[in-house]
Amino acid sequence: MVESPEFLPSKLLNPFTPMAFLSPELAYEKAITTYISIGMLGVLSWDILVHLGADYELLKRHRVGVPTLAYHLSRSSESLPSEI
């Protein structure tokens, strides 16, 4: 397989970067996707940690019924990936 001359390691500024061998458009798209994914993971983690005590109290002090199960099902399903 012959590599195109524009992507040879000698022509790259820093060949040790993770996206050095991608086209600029693809590298930009990958970087934006990564930043958005990390941001969403941070928001999800923050939400879980903030509400963990209240969720525990809800299970501990109140009778478990259909509304409580629906609430906990919706809370746990938000952490599932949207595309399975």
Protein backbone atom coordinates (compact mmCIF):
# COMPACT_ATOMS: atom_id res chain seq x y z
CA MET A 1 0.00 0.00 0.00
CA VAL A 2 1.45 3.35 -1.05
CA GLU A 3 0.86 6.31 1.20
CA SER A 4 0.07 9.70 -0.24
CA PRO A 5 2.97 12.14 0.13
CA GLU A 6 0.94 14.64 2.17
CA PHE A 7 0.50 12.18 5.06
CA LEU A 8 4.06 10.90 5.32
CA PRO A 9 5.55 11.26 8.83
CA SER A 10 8.38 13.46 7.58
CA LYS A 11 5.87 16.08 6.36
CA LEU A 12 3.90 16.18 9.62
CA LEU A 13 4.65 18.76 12.29
CA ASN A 14 4.16 16.30 15.12
CA PRO A 15 3.61 12.68 14.03
CA PHE A 16 3.02 11.55 17.62
CA THR A 17 -0.33 13.31 18.02
CA PRO A 18 -3.37 11.01 17.87
CA MET A 19 -4.96 12.71 14.86
CA ALA A 20 -1.84 13.44 12.84
CA PHE A 21 -2.72 10.99 10.10
CA LEU A 22 -6.33 12.11 9.63
CA SER A 23 -7.47 14.73 7.17
CA PRO A 24 -8.01 18.15 8.79
CA GLU A 25 -11.78 17.94 8.33
CA LEU A 26 -12.00 14.48 9.88
CA ALA A 27 -9.67 15.46 12.73
CA TYR A 28 -11.82 18.52 13.49
CA GLU A 29 -15.01 16.46 13.45
CA LYS A 30 -13.46 13.82 15.71
CA ALA A 31 -12.21 16.47 18.15
CA ILE A 32 -15.61 18.17 18.38
CA THR A 33 -17.34 14.81 18.88
CA THR A 34 -14.88 13.92 21.63
CA TYR A 35 -15.38 17.26 23.42
CA ILE A 36 -19.16 16.94 23.29
CA SER A 37 -19.03 13.34 24.56
CA ILE A 38 -16.76 14.29 27.47
CA GLY A 39 -19.02 17.24 28.33
CA MET A 40 -22.11 15.03 28.30
CA LEU A 41 -20.38 12.45 30.50
CA GLY A 42 -19.46 15.21 32.95
CA VAL A 43 -23.04 16.49 33.12
CA LEU A 44 -24.40 12.96 33.57
CA SER A 45 -21.89 12.21 36.35
CA TRP A 46 -22.70 15.49 38.08
CA ASP A 47 -26.43 14.79 37.90
CA ILE A 48 -26.02 11.29 39.34
CA LEU A 49 -23.80 12.47 42.19
CA VAL A 50 -26.04 15.41 43.09
CA HIS A 51 -29.22 13.31 43.21
CA LEU A 52 -27.78 10.12 44.68
CA GLY A 53 -28.71 11.03 48.27
CA ALA A 54 -32.27 12.01 47.35
CA ASP A 55 -32.74 8.81 45.35
CA TYR A 56 -31.51 6.74 48.28
CA GLU A 57 -33.86 8.53 50.66
CA LEU A 58 -36.75 7.97 48.26
CA LEU A 59 -36.12 4.23 48.28
CA LYS A 60 -35.41 4.06 52.01
CA ARG A 61 -38.26 6.13 53.45
CA HIS A 62 -41.12 5.67 51.02
CA ARG A 63 -43.11 2.72 49.93
CA VAL A 64 -41.96 1.37 46.57
CA GLY A 65 -44.85 1.65 44.13
CA VAL A 66 -45.42 2.22 40.46
CA PRO A 67 -44.47 5.94 40.54
CA THR A 68 -41.24 5.19 42.41
CA LEU A 69 -40.34 2.40 39.99
CA ALA A 70 -41.11 4.65 37.02
CA TYR A 71 -38.91 7.39 38.49
CA HIS A 72 -35.96 5.07 39.07
CA LEU A 73 -36.39 3.44 35.67
CA SER A 74 -36.28 6.83 33.98
CA ARG A 75 -33.25 7.88 36.04
CA SER A 76 -31.35 4.71 35.21
CA SER A 77 -32.28 4.76 31.53
CA GLU A 78 -30.78 8.21 31.01
CA SER A 79 -27.31 6.70 31.33
CA LEU A 80 -27.90 4.21 28.52
CA PRO A 81 -26.40 5.06 25.13
CA SER A 82 -28.87 6.45 22.63
CA GLU A 83 -27.65 4.13 19.85
CA ILE A 84 -27.41 0.50 20.83
